[in-house]
Amino acid sequence: MDDTWSLDDLKAGVTNAERNGGGWVQYTFHDVCADACSDLAVTTSTFTQFVNWLKTRQSAGTIVRTIGDVIGGTTKAVVNGPVVPA
């Protein structure tokens, strides 16, 4: 998120997924604060309104989970990527 996202923008992402068969909508809230504490912040008011609204979406099949809850499992060893040709 950044400070240009409105409550309606957040809701639209969820309702768009609901209307189109579901899916994984990921929101990252870098900062939640009462005022413009950063360019990546959402206001406390907007965040609270969004979370309260999300509670009402359970009847539409919306489930809220952390990424850790969705992916789960134990941490795996690092895998090296492909070697870039010279």
C-alpha atoms as a PDB file:
ATOM      1  CA  MET A   1       0.000   0.000   0.000  1.00  0.00           C
ATOM      2  CA  ASP A   2       0.952   3.581  -0.317  1.00  0.00           C
ATOM      3  CA  ASP A   3      -0.735   6.780   0.755  1.00  0.00           C
ATOM      4  CA  THR A   4      -2.762   7.009  -2.477  1.00  0.00           C
ATOM      5  CA  TRP A   5      -4.907   3.942  -1.667  1.00  0.00           C
ATOM      6  CA  SER A   6      -8.398   4.738  -0.419  1.00  0.00           C
ATOM      7  CA  LEU A   7     -10.827   2.566   1.505  1.00  0.00           C
ATOM      8  CA  ASP A   8     -12.762   2.079  -1.732  1.00  0.00           C
ATOM      9  CA  ASP A   9      -9.577   0.864  -3.482  1.00  0.00           C
ATOM     10  CA  LEU A  10      -8.999  -1.737  -0.764  1.00  0.00           C
ATOM     11  CA  LYS A  11     -12.612  -2.916  -0.899  1.00  0.00           C
ATOM     12  CA  ALA A  12     -12.535  -3.102  -4.708  1.00  0.00           C
ATOM     13  CA  GLY A  13      -9.674  -5.605  -4.679  1.00  0.00           C
ATOM     14  CA  VAL A  14     -11.649  -7.924  -2.431  1.00  0.00           C
ATOM     15  CA  THR A  15     -15.013  -7.592  -4.159  1.00  0.00           C
ATOM     16  CA  ASN A  16     -13.377  -8.026  -7.579  1.00  0.00           C
ATOM     17  CA  ALA A  17     -11.959 -11.375  -6.438  1.00  0.00           C
ATOM     18  CA  GLU A  18     -15.318 -12.391  -4.953  1.00  0.00           C
ATOM     19  CA  ARG A  19     -17.129 -11.617  -8.217  1.00  0.00           C
ATOM     20  CA  ASN A  20     -14.587 -13.504 -10.326  1.00  0.00           C
ATOM     21  CA  GLY A  21     -14.393 -16.854  -8.582  1.00  0.00           C
ATOM     22  CA  GLY A  22     -12.073 -15.976  -5.730  1.00  0.00           C
ATOM     23  CA  GLY A  23      -8.318 -15.848  -5.643  1.00  0.00           C
ATOM     24  CA  TRP A  24      -5.463 -14.633  -3.509  1.00  0.00           C
ATOM     25  CA  VAL A  25      -5.520 -10.890  -2.919  1.00  0.00           C
ATOM     26  CA  GLN A  26      -2.364  -9.781  -1.121  1.00  0.00           C
ATOM     27  CA  TYR A  27      -2.193  -6.455   0.676  1.00  0.00           C
ATOM     28  CA  THR A  28       0.991  -5.296   2.390  1.00  0.00           C
ATOM     29  CA  PHE A  29       0.563  -2.600   5.003  1.00  0.00           C
ATOM     30  CA  HIS A  30       4.010  -1.098   5.568  1.00  0.00           C
ATOM     31  CA  ASP A  31       2.883   1.539   8.052  1.00  0.00           C
ATOM     32  CA  VAL A  32      -0.409   2.212   9.811  1.00  0.00           C
ATOM     33  CA  CYS A  33      -0.500   5.613  11.482  1.00  0.00           C
ATOM     34  CA  ALA A  34      -2.856   8.468  12.271  1.00  0.00           C
ATOM     35  CA  ASP A  35      -1.197  10.888   9.855  1.00  0.00           C
ATOM     36  CA  ALA A  36       1.243  10.857   6.938  1.00  0.00           C
ATOM     37  CA  CYS A  37       4.093   9.094   8.753  1.00  0.00           C
ATOM     38  CA  SER A  38       5.456   7.741   5.440  1.00  0.00           C
ATOM     39  CA  ASP A  39       4.669   7.470   1.736  1.00  0.00           C
ATOM     40  CA  LEU A  40       3.803   3.805   2.313  1.00  0.00           C
ATOM     41  CA  ALA A  41       1.345   4.429   5.134  1.00  0.00           C
ATOM     42  CA  VAL A  42      -2.366   3.889   5.425  1.00  0.00           C
ATOM     43  CA  THR A  43      -4.201   5.875   8.068  1.00  0.00           C
ATOM     44  CA  THR A  44      -5.359   4.161  11.225  1.00  0.00           C
ATOM     45  CA  SER A  45      -8.906   5.159  10.353  1.00  0.00           C
ATOM     46  CA  THR A  46      -8.781   3.611   6.862  1.00  0.00           C
ATOM     47  CA  PHE A  47      -7.153   0.426   8.174  1.00  0.00           C
ATOM     48  CA  THR A  48      -9.736   0.030  10.954  1.00  0.00           C
ATOM     49  CA  GLN A  49     -12.630   0.621   8.567  1.00  0.00           C
ATOM     50  CA  PHE A  50     -11.197  -1.906   6.105  1.00  0.00           C
ATOM     51  CA  VAL A  51     -10.670  -4.605   8.759  1.00  0.00           C
ATOM     52  CA  ASN A  52     -14.189  -4.077  10.112  1.00  0.00           C
ATOM     53  CA  TRP A  53     -15.590  -4.274   6.570  1.00  0.00           C
ATOM     54  CA  LEU A  54     -13.618  -7.481   5.904  1.00  0.00           C
ATOM     55  CA  LYS A  55     -15.382  -9.140   8.842  1.00  0.00           C
ATOM     56  CA  THR A  56     -18.672  -8.678   6.967  1.00  0.00           C
ATOM     57  CA  ARG A  57     -17.320 -10.463   3.862  1.00  0.00           C
ATOM     58  CA  GLN A  58     -17.230 -13.945   5.411  1.00  0.00           C
ATOM     59  CA  SER A  59     -20.734 -14.594   4.077  1.00  0.00           C
ATOM     60  CA  ALA A  60     -19.362 -13.951   0.566  1.00  0.00           C
ATOM     61  CA  GLY A  61     -16.645 -16.560   1.128  1.00  0.00           C
ATOM     62  CA  THR A  62     -13.796 -14.185   1.907  1.00  0.00           C
ATOM     63  CA  ILE A  63     -11.194 -15.593   4.278  1.00  0.00           C
ATOM     64  CA  VAL A  64      -8.375 -13.510   5.767  1.00  0.00           C
ATOM     65  CA  ARG A  65      -5.043 -15.260   6.352  1.00  0.00           C
ATOM     66  CA  THR A  66      -1.405 -14.272   6.652  1.00  0.00           C
ATOM     67  CA  ILE A  67       0.986 -15.410   3.923  1.00  0.00           C
ATOM     68  CA  GLY A  68       2.584 -17.710   6.486  1.00  0.00           C
ATOM     69  CA  ASP A  69      -0.804 -19.320   7.122  1.00  0.00           C
ATOM     70  CA  VAL A  70      -1.374 -19.882   3.394  1.00  0.00           C
ATOM     71  CA  ILE A  71       2.066 -21.181   2.469  1.00  0.00           C
ATOM     72  CA  GLY A  72       2.902 -22.811   5.797  1.00  0.00           C
ATOM     73  CA  GLY A  73       5.430 -25.499   6.406  1.00  0.00           C
ATOM     74  CA  THR A  74       8.978 -25.376   7.646  1.00  0.00           C
ATOM     75  CA  THR A  75      11.614 -23.073   6.220  1.00  0.00           C
ATOM     76  CA  LYS A  76      13.502 -24.698   3.348  1.00  0.00           C
ATOM     77  CA  ALA A  77      17.181 -24.376   2.493  1.00  0.00           C
ATOM     78  CA  VAL A  78      18.227 -21.634   0.065  1.00  0.00           C
ATOM     79  CA  VAL A  79      18.239 -22.695  -3.585  1.00  0.00           C
ATOM     80  CA  ASN A  80      20.752 -21.097  -5.942  1.00  0.00           C
ATOM     81  CA  GLY A  81      19.331 -19.671  -9.147  1.00  0.00           C
ATOM     82  CA  PRO A  82      20.594 -20.434 -12.633  1.00  0.00           C
ATOM     83  CA  VAL A  83      24.025 -19.245 -13.710  1.00  0.00           C
ATOM     84  CA  VAL A  84      23.829 -16.304 -16.113  1.00  0.00           C
ATOM     85  CA  PRO A  85      25.788 -17.023 -19.309  1.00  0.00           C
ATOM     86  CA  ALA A  86      28.736 -14.730 -19.974  1.00  0.00           C
END
